[in-house]
Amino acid sequence: MSKTLIIAPPPTPNGDLHVGHMAGPYLAGDIYARYLRVSGKAVNYATGTDDSQTYVVTSAIKLGTTPEQLCRQSSEDIHNSLKLWGVELDGYAPFDEGYKSSVYQFLNPLFESGKLKKKTVRLPYSAHRGEFMVESFVAGECPVCLAHSRGGLCENCGHPNNFDMLRRPVSTLSPYEPLEYRETEILVFPVEEYRNELEAYYASKKGLWRPHILQLMDELFSRELIDFPVTYPVSWGLPSLFPGTEGQVLNAWVEGMPASMYCNACGEVGAEQPTQPGVLTRIIS
């Protein structure tokens, strides 16, 4: 019997879930999973936590704790909240050694085959802190819609703003000073090189997906697709093991696909506790 896989977006463990979270993907996924089960169909409904997000760091600073402690407490709180709301998960993926191994296992073939490339880019930099400021560490104006945005992606219009695209960048950490841009070498995925494949894929979804998603893709395809950062020169995240990127970490967003695969594996074995490295990666592979 075929099985339907439902992966709820892994929440960032920088606090407990709020009503908006629950009213969105988690209850919706639970309702769909229940519908499938009562219809006699097999289903795997799973999620985990997105521990590598820089929002963990900014929240930990505000709360006067460490990112590690905040992740541990929030992951437990989130799991308990899902249970209290009656969300029936088949798996709640732990951020354990098996998870980390699966991320590297997913990315290594891409690097070895030359799909990931080194590139010199300009990133927001705090002379006061002596650090590059990316993702939640930086805020500014979206270059497309001019709304207030954090680094990486504008939540208002959905357009990416990688590298030096944010207008008037400022630090989101005290003393909240204006930032400059400095050059550094990181690893990127050159999205434009795969334009033809991407255009064909999204064209095949017209009439199947919601129009606003396809409209966003049409807007992105109207100009050159920007590179996707694979590594960042910051301290929070999984360490980059790729030669030439020593001291950098993986961009949290590159974990998306292996994270979904790991959630799937956890759901298959009903895992809700940390597992031995390799137990779930064998299922994935």
C-alpha atoms as a PDB file:
ATOM      1  CA  MET A   1       0.000   0.000   0.000  1.00  0.00           C
ATOM      2  CA  SER A   2       1.328   3.423  -0.897  1.00  0.00           C
ATOM      3  CA  LYS A   3       1.827   5.887   1.951  1.00  0.00           C
ATOM      4  CA  THR A   4       1.173   9.627   1.987  1.00  0.00           C
ATOM      5  CA  LEU A   5       3.993  11.666   3.505  1.00  0.00           C
ATOM      6  CA  ILE A   6       3.066  14.864   5.383  1.00  0.00           C
ATOM      7  CA  ILE A   7       5.934  17.008   6.679  1.00  0.00           C
ATOM      8  CA  ALA A   8       4.866  19.946   8.837  1.00  0.00           C
ATOM      9  CA  PRO A   9       7.335  22.851   8.489  1.00  0.00           C
ATOM     10  CA  PRO A  10       9.906  22.354  11.260  1.00  0.00           C
ATOM     11  CA  PRO A  11       9.428  25.191  13.785  1.00  0.00           C
ATOM     12  CA  THR A  12      12.395  27.266  14.956  1.00  0.00           C
ATOM     13  CA  PRO A  13      13.094  26.334  18.612  1.00  0.00           C
ATOM     14  CA  ASN A  14      13.378  29.916  19.845  1.00  0.00           C
ATOM     15  CA  GLY A  15      10.248  29.638  21.972  1.00  0.00           C
ATOM     16  CA  ASP A  16       7.042  27.644  22.280  1.00  0.00           C
ATOM     17  CA  LEU A  17       4.379  27.501  19.581  1.00  0.00           C
ATOM     18  CA  HIS A  18       1.708  30.197  19.559  1.00  0.00           C
ATOM     19  CA  VAL A  19      -1.882  30.011  18.348  1.00  0.00           C
ATOM     20  CA  GLY A  20      -0.919  31.257  14.897  1.00  0.00           C
ATOM     21  CA  HIS A  21       1.487  28.341  14.498  1.00  0.00           C
ATOM     22  CA  MET A  22      -1.118  25.822  15.560  1.00  0.00           C
ATOM     23  CA  ALA A  23      -3.875  27.339  13.422  1.00  0.00           C
ATOM     24  CA  GLY A  24      -1.585  27.069  10.402  1.00  0.00           C
ATOM     25  CA  PRO A  25       0.398  24.029   9.277  1.00  0.00           C
ATOM     26  CA  TYR A  26       0.226  21.790  12.350  1.00  0.00           C
ATOM     27  CA  LEU A  27      -3.534  21.473  12.752  1.00  0.00           C
ATOM     28  CA  ALA A  28      -4.001  21.501   8.986  1.00  0.00           C
ATOM     29  CA  GLY A  29      -1.542  18.636   8.620  1.00  0.00           C
ATOM     30  CA  ASP A  30      -3.175  16.775  11.478  1.00  0.00           C
ATOM     31  CA  ILE A  31      -6.642  17.139   9.964  1.00  0.00           C
ATOM     32  CA  TYR A  32      -5.410  15.843   6.616  1.00  0.00           C
ATOM     33  CA  ALA A  33      -3.591  12.933   8.284  1.00  0.00           C
ATOM     34  CA  ARG A  34      -6.723  11.993  10.254  1.00  0.00           C
ATOM     35  CA  TYR A  35      -8.806  12.123   7.071  1.00  0.00           C
ATOM     36  CA  LEU A  36      -6.411   9.741   5.346  1.00  0.00           C
ATOM     37  CA  ARG A  37      -6.341   7.353   8.300  1.00  0.00           C
ATOM     38  CA  VAL A  38     -10.127   7.100   8.623  1.00  0.00           C
ATOM     39  CA  SER A  39     -10.236   6.533   4.850  1.00  0.00           C
ATOM     40  CA  GLY A  40      -8.091   3.465   5.360  1.00  0.00           C
ATOM     41  CA  LYS A  41      -4.958   4.970   3.834  1.00  0.00           C
ATOM     42  CA  ALA A  42      -1.440   4.789   5.201  1.00  0.00           C
ATOM     43  CA  VAL A  43       0.126   8.081   6.274  1.00  0.00           C
ATOM     44  CA  ASN A  44       3.360   9.325   7.799  1.00  0.00           C
ATOM     45  CA  TYR A  45       2.917  12.710   9.517  1.00  0.00           C
ATOM     46  CA  ALA A  46       6.163  14.031  10.967  1.00  0.00           C
ATOM     47  CA  THR A  47       8.093  17.150  11.843  1.00  0.00           C
ATOM     48  CA  GLY A  48      11.116  18.227  13.899  1.00  0.00           C
ATOM     49  CA  THR A  49      12.809  21.480  14.893  1.00  0.00           C
ATOM     50  CA  ASP A  50      14.916  23.890  12.842  1.00  0.00           C
ATOM     51  CA  ASP A  51      17.765  24.357  15.321  1.00  0.00           C
ATOM     52  CA  SER A  52      20.264  25.963  12.932  1.00  0.00           C
ATOM     53  CA  GLN A  53      18.241  29.130  12.353  1.00  0.00           C
ATOM     54  CA  THR A  54      19.958  32.335  13.495  1.00  0.00           C
ATOM     55  CA  TYR A  55      16.672  33.365  15.123  1.00  0.00           C
ATOM     56  CA  VAL A  56      17.670  31.002  17.939  1.00  0.00           C
ATOM     57  CA  VAL A  57      20.675  33.245  18.650  1.00  0.00           C
ATOM     58  CA  THR A  58      18.806  36.550  18.581  1.00  0.00           C
ATOM     59  CA  SER A  59      16.055  35.167  20.827  1.00  0.00           C
ATOM     60  CA  ALA A  60      18.561  33.652  23.256  1.00  0.00           C
ATOM     61  CA  ILE A  61      20.307  37.019  23.635  1.00  0.00           C
ATOM     62  CA  LYS A  62      16.992  38.728  24.420  1.00  0.00           C
ATOM     63  CA  LEU A  63      16.072  36.025  26.954  1.00  0.00           C
ATOM     64  CA  GLY A  64      19.468  35.997  28.652  1.00  0.00           C
ATOM     65  CA  THR A  65      20.200  32.352  27.919  1.00  0.00           C
ATOM     66  CA  THR A  66      22.396  30.388  25.516  1.00  0.00           C
ATOM     67  CA  PRO A  67      21.261  29.217  22.073  1.00  0.00           C
ATOM     68  CA  GLU A  68      21.922  25.615  23.099  1.00  0.00           C
ATOM     69  CA  GLN A  69      19.767  25.879  26.232  1.00  0.00           C
ATOM     70  CA  LEU A  70      17.009  27.662  24.322  1.00  0.00           C
ATOM     71  CA  CYS A  71      16.958  24.941  21.669  1.00  0.00           C
ATOM     72  CA  ARG A  72      16.700  22.176  24.244  1.00  0.00           C
ATOM     73  CA  GLN A  73      13.903  23.824  26.207  1.00  0.00           C
ATOM     74  CA  SER A  74      11.964  25.035  23.166  1.00  0.00           C
ATOM     75  CA  SER A  75      12.140  21.665  21.407  1.00  0.00           C
ATOM     76  CA  GLU A  76      10.619  20.039  24.487  1.00  0.00           C
ATOM     77  CA  ASP A  77       7.990  22.768  24.842  1.00  0.00           C
ATOM     78  CA  ILE A  78       7.012  22.544  21.170  1.00  0.00           C
ATOM     79  CA  HIS A  79       6.663  18.776  21.348  1.00  0.00           C
ATOM     80  CA  ASN A  80       4.522  19.015  24.481  1.00  0.00           C
ATOM     81  CA  SER A  81       2.322  21.698  22.905  1.00  0.00           C
ATOM     82  CA  LEU A  82       1.697  19.529  19.850  1.00  0.00           C
ATOM     83  CA  LYS A  83       0.643  16.677  22.131  1.00  0.00           C
ATOM     84  CA  LEU A  84      -1.626  18.921  24.231  1.00  0.00           C
ATOM     85  CA  TRP A  85      -3.362  20.138  21.072  1.00  0.00           C
ATOM     86  CA  GLY A  86      -3.957  16.524  20.084  1.00  0.00           C
ATOM     87  CA  VAL A  87      -1.688  16.586  17.036  1.00  0.00           C
ATOM     88  CA  GLU A  88      -0.919  12.938  16.256  1.00  0.00           C
ATOM     89  CA  LEU A  89       2.596  12.789  14.845  1.00  0.00           C
ATOM     90  CA  ASP A  90       4.188   9.596  13.599  1.00  0.00           C
ATOM     91  CA  GLY A  91       7.615  11.075  14.287  1.00  0.00           C
ATOM     92  CA  TYR A  92       9.215  14.119  15.923  1.00  0.00           C
ATOM     93  CA  ALA A  93      12.742  14.282  14.529  1.00  0.00           C
ATOM     94  CA  PRO A  94      15.491  15.044  17.057  1.00  0.00           C
ATOM     95  CA  PHE A  95      18.382  17.363  16.183  1.00  0.00           C
ATOM     96  CA  ASP A  96      20.857  14.601  16.940  1.00  0.00           C
ATOM     97  CA  GLU A  97      23.998  13.132  15.413  1.00  0.00           C
ATOM     98  CA  GLY A  98      21.910  11.077  13.006  1.00  0.00           C
ATOM     99  CA  TYR A  99      20.257  14.242  11.735  1.00  0.00           C
ATOM    100  CA  LYS A 100      23.574  16.044  11.298  1.00  0.00           C
ATOM    101  CA  SER A 101      25.049  13.056   9.493  1.00  0.00           C
ATOM    102  CA  SER A 102      22.095  12.976   7.095  1.00  0.00           C
ATOM    103  CA  VAL A 103      22.645  16.661   6.197  1.00  0.00           C
ATOM    104  CA  TYR A 104      26.273  16.061   5.276  1.00  0.00           C
ATOM    105  CA  GLN A 105      25.329  12.846   3.489  1.00  0.00           C
ATOM    106  CA  PHE A 106      22.885  14.837   1.349  1.00  0.00           C
ATOM    107  CA  LEU A 107      25.275  17.707   0.532  1.00  0.00           C
ATOM    108  CA  ASN A 108      28.553  15.857  -0.032  1.00  0.00           C
ATOM    109  CA  PRO A 109      27.616  14.412  -3.455  1.00  0.00           C
ATOM    110  CA  LEU A 110      26.583  17.902  -4.625  1.00  0.00           C
ATOM    111  CA  PHE A 111      29.974  19.292  -3.630  1.00  0.00           C
ATOM    112  CA  GLU A 112      31.924  16.368  -5.044  1.00  0.00           C
ATOM    113  CA  SER A 113      30.134  16.660  -8.390  1.00  0.00           C
ATOM    114  CA  GLY A 114      30.912  20.391  -8.648  1.00  0.00           C
ATOM    115  CA  LYS A 115      27.348  21.609  -8.170  1.00  0.00           C
ATOM    116  CA  LEU A 116      28.381  23.891  -5.295  1.00  0.00           C
ATOM    117  CA  LYS A 117      30.845  26.640  -6.190  1.00  0.00           C
ATOM    118  CA  LYS A 118      33.072  29.053  -4.304  1.00  0.00           C
ATOM    119  CA  LYS A 119      32.262  32.694  -4.935  1.00  0.00           C
ATOM    120  CA  THR A 120      33.352  36.056  -3.556  1.00  0.00           C
ATOM    121  CA  VAL A 121      30.269  37.972  -2.395  1.00  0.00           C
ATOM    122  CA  ARG A 122      29.486  41.057  -0.326  1.00  0.00           C
ATOM    123  CA  LEU A 123      27.762  40.436   2.997  1.00  0.00           C
ATOM    124  CA  PRO A 124      26.542  42.838   5.717  1.00  0.00           C
ATOM    125  CA  TYR A 125      29.308  43.425   8.268  1.00  0.00           C
ATOM    126  CA  SER A 126      29.364  44.976  11.733  1.00  0.00           C
ATOM    127  CA  ALA A 127      32.613  46.834  12.372  1.00  0.00           C
ATOM    128  CA  HIS A 128      31.455  47.225  15.996  1.00  0.00           C
ATOM    129  CA  ARG A 129      31.106  43.477  16.560  1.00  0.00           C
ATOM    130  CA  GLY A 130      33.735  42.405  14.026  1.00  0.00           C
ATOM    131  CA  GLU A 131      31.274  39.934  12.513  1.00  0.00           C
ATOM    132  CA  PHE A 132      29.287  39.312   9.371  1.00  0.00           C
ATOM    133  CA  MET A 133      25.567  39.796   9.956  1.00  0.00           C
ATOM    134  CA  VAL A 134      23.227  37.581   7.913  1.00  0.00           C
ATOM    135  CA  GLU A 135      19.683  36.229   8.138  1.00  0.00           C
ATOM    136  CA  SER A 136      18.100  37.362  11.449  1.00  0.00           C
ATOM    137  CA  PHE A 137      21.201  39.370  12.425  1.00  0.00           C
ATOM    138  CA  VAL A 138      20.421  42.024   9.807  1.00  0.00           C
ATOM    139  CA  ALA A 139      17.324  44.040   8.876  1.00  0.00           C
ATOM    140  CA  GLY A 140      16.635  46.546   6.132  1.00  0.00           C
ATOM    141  CA  GLU A 141      14.340  47.361   3.235  1.00  0.00           C
ATOM    142  CA  CYS A 142      13.390  44.657   0.770  1.00  0.00           C
ATOM    143  CA  PRO A 143      14.824  45.616  -2.638  1.00  0.00           C
ATOM    144  CA  VAL A 144      11.583  44.530  -4.342  1.00  0.00           C
ATOM    145  CA  CYS A 145       8.660  45.742  -2.195  1.00  0.00           C
ATOM    146  CA  LEU A 146      10.560  48.070   0.208  1.00  0.00           C
ATOM    147  CA  ALA A 147       8.944  46.418   3.248  1.00  0.00           C
ATOM    148  CA  HIS A 148      10.962  45.916   6.425  1.00  0.00           C
ATOM    149  CA  SER A 149      12.776  42.607   6.011  1.00  0.00           C
ATOM    150  CA  ARG A 150      15.385  40.403   7.610  1.00  0.00           C
ATOM    151  CA  GLY A 151      18.211  38.944   5.574  1.00  0.00           C
ATOM    152  CA  GLY A 152      17.692  36.123   3.109  1.00  0.00           C
ATOM    153  CA  LEU A 153      13.986  36.370   2.317  1.00  0.00           C
ATOM    154  CA  CYS A 154      11.276  39.004   2.504  1.00  0.00           C
ATOM    155  CA  GLU A 155       8.242  37.612   4.333  1.00  0.00           C
ATOM    156  CA  ASN A 156       6.058  40.341   2.797  1.00  0.00           C
ATOM    157  CA  CYS A 157       6.576  39.608  -0.922  1.00  0.00           C
ATOM    158  CA  GLY A 158       8.468  36.301  -0.842  1.00  0.00           C
ATOM    159  CA  HIS A 159      11.460  37.529  -2.854  1.00  0.00           C
ATOM    160  CA  PRO A 160      14.983  36.546  -1.773  1.00  0.00           C
ATOM    161  CA  ASN A 161      17.463  39.255  -0.798  1.00  0.00           C
ATOM    162  CA  ASN A 162      20.718  37.351  -0.562  1.00  0.00           C
ATOM    163  CA  PHE A 163      24.119  38.981  -0.077  1.00  0.00           C
ATOM    164  CA  ASP A 164      24.133  42.791  -0.525  1.00  0.00           C
ATOM    165  CA  MET A 165      20.576  43.277  -1.725  1.00  0.00           C
ATOM    166  CA  LEU A 166      18.979  44.711   1.442  1.00  0.00           C
ATOM    167  CA  ARG A 167      18.639  48.503   1.420  1.00  0.00           C
ATOM    168  CA  ARG A 168      19.873  50.431   4.463  1.00  0.00           C
ATOM    169  CA  PRO A 169      21.024  47.347   6.402  1.00  0.00           C
ATOM    170  CA  VAL A 170      21.181  47.653  10.204  1.00  0.00           C
ATOM    171  CA  SER A 171      22.122  45.236  12.961  1.00  0.00           C
ATOM    172  CA  THR A 172      19.281  43.610  14.891  1.00  0.00           C
ATOM    173  CA  LEU A 173      21.610  43.240  17.871  1.00  0.00           C
ATOM    174  CA  SER A 174      22.655  46.020  20.236  1.00  0.00           C
ATOM    175  CA  PRO A 175      23.722  48.744  19.480  1.00  0.00           C
ATOM    176  CA  TYR A 176      21.598  48.316  16.304  1.00  0.00           C
ATOM    177  CA  GLU A 177      24.095  50.222  14.173  1.00  0.00           C
ATOM    178  CA  PRO A 178      24.067  50.676  10.374  1.00  0.00           C
ATOM    179  CA  LEU A 179      26.088  47.970   8.642  1.00  0.00           C
ATOM    180  CA  GLU A 180      28.593  48.106   5.820  1.00  0.00           C
ATOM    181  CA  TYR A 181      29.184  45.494   3.138  1.00  0.00           C
ATOM    182  CA  ARG A 182      32.432  43.531   2.980  1.00  0.00           C
ATOM    183  CA  GLU A 183      33.669  40.888   0.587  1.00  0.00           C
ATOM    184  CA  THR A 184      34.165  37.286   1.636  1.00  0.00           C
ATOM    185  CA  GLU A 185      34.351  33.916  -0.121  1.00  0.00           C
ATOM    186  CA  ILE A 186      31.582  31.415   0.534  1.00  0.00           C
ATOM    187  CA  LEU A 187      30.058  28.387  -1.138  1.00  0.00           C
ATOM    188  CA  VAL A 188      26.961  28.980  -3.288  1.00  0.00           C
ATOM    189  CA  PHE A 189      24.558  27.027  -5.451  1.00  0.00           C
ATOM    190  CA  PRO A 190      24.333  28.785  -8.861  1.00  0.00           C
ATOM    191  CA  VAL A 191      20.571  28.699  -9.377  1.00  0.00           C
ATOM    192  CA  GLU A 192      20.636  30.479 -12.767  1.00  0.00           C
ATOM    193  CA  GLU A 193      22.501  27.508 -14.287  1.00  0.00           C
ATOM    194  CA  TYR A 194      19.356  25.436 -13.762  1.00  0.00           C
ATOM    195  CA  ARG A 195      16.866  27.927 -15.186  1.00  0.00           C
ATOM    196  CA  ASN A 196      15.568  25.645 -17.936  1.00  0.00           C
ATOM    197  CA  GLU A 197      14.854  22.783 -15.571  1.00  0.00           C
ATOM    198  CA  LEU A 198      13.206  25.080 -13.024  1.00  0.00           C
ATOM    199  CA  GLU A 199      11.030  26.859 -15.590  1.00  0.00           C
ATOM    200  CA  ALA A 200       9.853  23.516 -16.980  1.00  0.00           C
ATOM    201  CA  TYR A 201       9.061  22.217 -13.491  1.00  0.00           C
ATOM    202  CA  TYR A 202       6.976  25.209 -12.419  1.00  0.00           C
ATOM    203  CA  ALA A 203       5.239  25.376 -15.811  1.00  0.00           C
ATOM    204  CA  SER A 204       4.046  21.811 -15.174  1.00  0.00           C
ATOM    205  CA  LYS A 205       2.368  22.962 -11.943  1.00  0.00           C
ATOM    206  CA  LYS A 206       0.096  25.571 -13.522  1.00  0.00           C
ATOM    207  CA  GLY A 207      -3.503  24.711 -12.773  1.00  0.00           C
ATOM    208  CA  LEU A 208      -2.381  22.467  -9.890  1.00  0.00           C
ATOM    209  CA  TRP A 209      -0.724  24.898  -7.485  1.00  0.00           C
ATOM    210  CA  ARG A 210      -2.106  28.089  -6.011  1.00  0.00           C
ATOM    211  CA  PRO A 211      -1.772  31.010  -8.464  1.00  0.00           C
ATOM    212  CA  HIS A 212       0.141  33.325  -6.115  1.00  0.00           C
ATOM    213  CA  ILE A 213       3.007  30.809  -5.803  1.00  0.00           C
ATOM    214  CA  LEU A 214       3.314  30.529  -9.567  1.00  0.00           C
ATOM    215  CA  GLN A 215       3.045  34.302  -9.893  1.00  0.00           C
ATOM    216  CA  LEU A 216       6.004  34.665  -7.554  1.00  0.00           C
ATOM    217  CA  MET A 217       8.007  32.224  -9.659  1.00  0.00           C
ATOM    218  CA  ASP A 218       7.130  34.144 -12.833  1.00  0.00           C
ATOM    219  CA  GLU A 219       8.441  37.298 -11.149  1.00  0.00           C
ATOM    220  CA  LEU A 220      11.674  35.539 -10.211  1.00  0.00           C
ATOM    221  CA  PHE A 221      12.108  34.120 -13.709  1.00  0.00           C
ATOM    222  CA  SER A 222      11.717  37.604 -15.224  1.00  0.00           C
ATOM    223  CA  ARG A 223      15.338  38.365 -14.285  1.00  0.00           C
ATOM    224  CA  GLU A 224      18.545  36.505 -13.551  1.00  0.00           C
ATOM    225  CA  LEU A 225      18.152  34.038 -10.699  1.00  0.00           C
ATOM    226  CA  ILE A 226      20.456  34.908  -7.810  1.00  0.00           C
ATOM    227  CA  ASP A 227      22.895  32.457  -6.260  1.00  0.00           C
ATOM    228  CA  PHE A 228      21.827  30.594  -3.148  1.00  0.00           C
ATOM    229  CA  PRO A 229      24.300  30.763  -0.226  1.00  0.00           C
ATOM    230  CA  VAL A 230      25.338  27.329   1.033  1.00  0.00           C
ATOM    231  CA  THR A 231      27.800  28.513   3.699  1.00  0.00           C
ATOM    232  CA  TYR A 232      28.069  31.644   5.839  1.00  0.00           C
ATOM    233  CA  PRO A 233      31.012  33.051   7.856  1.00  0.00           C
ATOM    234  CA  VAL A 234      29.058  33.084  11.137  1.00  0.00           C
ATOM    235  CA  SER A 235      29.325  30.957  14.276  1.00  0.00           C
ATOM    236  CA  TRP A 236      25.840  29.420  14.717  1.00  0.00           C
ATOM    237  CA  GLY A 237      24.938  26.406  12.623  1.00  0.00           C
ATOM    238  CA  LEU A 238      26.343  23.097  11.469  1.00  0.00           C
ATOM    239  CA  PRO A 239      30.073  23.468  10.718  1.00  0.00           C
ATOM    240  CA  SER A 240      30.949  23.435   7.027  1.00  0.00           C
ATOM    241  CA  LEU A 241      33.208  20.482   6.231  1.00  0.00           C
ATOM    242  CA  PHE A 242      33.927  21.576   2.664  1.00  0.00           C
ATOM    243  CA  PRO A 243      37.561  22.461   1.813  1.00  0.00           C
ATOM    244  CA  GLY A 244      38.100  26.210   1.583  1.00  0.00           C
ATOM    245  CA  THR A 245      35.208  27.067   3.913  1.00  0.00           C
ATOM    246  CA  GLU A 246      36.919  26.313   7.202  1.00  0.00           C
ATOM    247  CA  GLY A 247      35.363  28.260  10.078  1.00  0.00           C
ATOM    248  CA  GLN A 248      32.075  28.744   8.228  1.00  0.00           C
ATOM    249  CA  VAL A 249      28.715  27.085   8.879  1.00  0.00           C
ATOM    250  CA  LEU A 250      25.984  25.734   6.635  1.00  0.00           C
ATOM    251  CA  ASN A 251      23.151  28.094   5.771  1.00  0.00           C
ATOM    252  CA  ALA A 252      20.191  26.744   7.752  1.00  0.00           C
ATOM    253  CA  TRP A 253      18.041  26.731   4.602  1.00  0.00           C
ATOM    254  CA  VAL A 254      20.211  24.095   2.876  1.00  0.00           C
ATOM    255  CA  GLU A 255      19.057  21.665   5.559  1.00  0.00           C
ATOM    256  CA  GLY A 256      15.471  21.815   4.303  1.00  0.00           C
ATOM    257  CA  MET A 257      15.454  18.734   2.087  1.00  0.00           C
ATOM    258  CA  PRO A 258      17.603  16.435   4.254  1.00  0.00           C
ATOM    259  CA  ALA A 259      15.560  17.603   7.266  1.00  0.00           C
ATOM    260  CA  SER A 260      12.359  16.495   5.530  1.00  0.00           C
ATOM    261  CA  MET A 261      13.974  13.156   4.690  1.00  0.00           C
ATOM    262  CA  TYR A 262      15.018  12.720   8.315  1.00  0.00           C
ATOM    263  CA  CYS A 263      11.520  13.568   9.528  1.00  0.00           C
ATOM    264  CA  ASN A 264      10.215  10.939   7.133  1.00  0.00           C
ATOM    265  CA  ALA A 265      12.655   8.372   8.521  1.00  0.00           C
ATOM    266  CA  CYS A 266      11.676   9.240  12.108  1.00  0.00           C
ATOM    267  CA  GLY A 267       8.018   8.790  11.238  1.00  0.00           C
ATOM    268  CA  GLU A 268       8.734   5.401   9.690  1.00  0.00           C
ATOM    269  CA  VAL A 269      10.265   4.108  12.922  1.00  0.00           C
ATOM    270  CA  GLY A 270       8.116   6.193  15.277  1.00  0.00           C
ATOM    271  CA  ALA A 271      11.180   8.004  16.637  1.00  0.00           C
ATOM    272  CA  GLU A 272      10.601  10.745  19.193  1.00  0.00           C
ATOM    273  CA  GLN A 273      13.881  10.462  21.060  1.00  0.00           C
ATOM    274  CA  PRO A 274      17.544  10.901  19.995  1.00  0.00           C
ATOM    275  CA  THR A 275      18.799   7.916  18.064  1.00  0.00           C
ATOM    276  CA  GLN A 276      22.192   6.385  17.491  1.00  0.00           C
ATOM    277  CA  PRO A 277      24.067   7.931  14.521  1.00  0.00           C
ATOM    278  CA  GLY A 278      23.373   5.984  11.373  1.00  0.00           C
ATOM    279  CA  VAL A 279      20.154   4.273  12.498  1.00  0.00           C
ATOM    280  CA  LEU A 280      17.872   6.606  10.567  1.00  0.00           C
ATOM    281  CA  THR A 281      20.395   7.510   7.859  1.00  0.00           C
ATOM    282  CA  ARG A 282      20.303   3.873   6.780  1.00  0.00           C
ATOM    283  CA  ILE A 283      16.552   4.224   6.313  1.00  0.00           C
ATOM    284  CA  ILE A 284      17.062   7.436   4.333  1.00  0.00           C
ATOM    285  CA  SER A 285      19.636   5.892   2.041  1.00  0.00           C
END
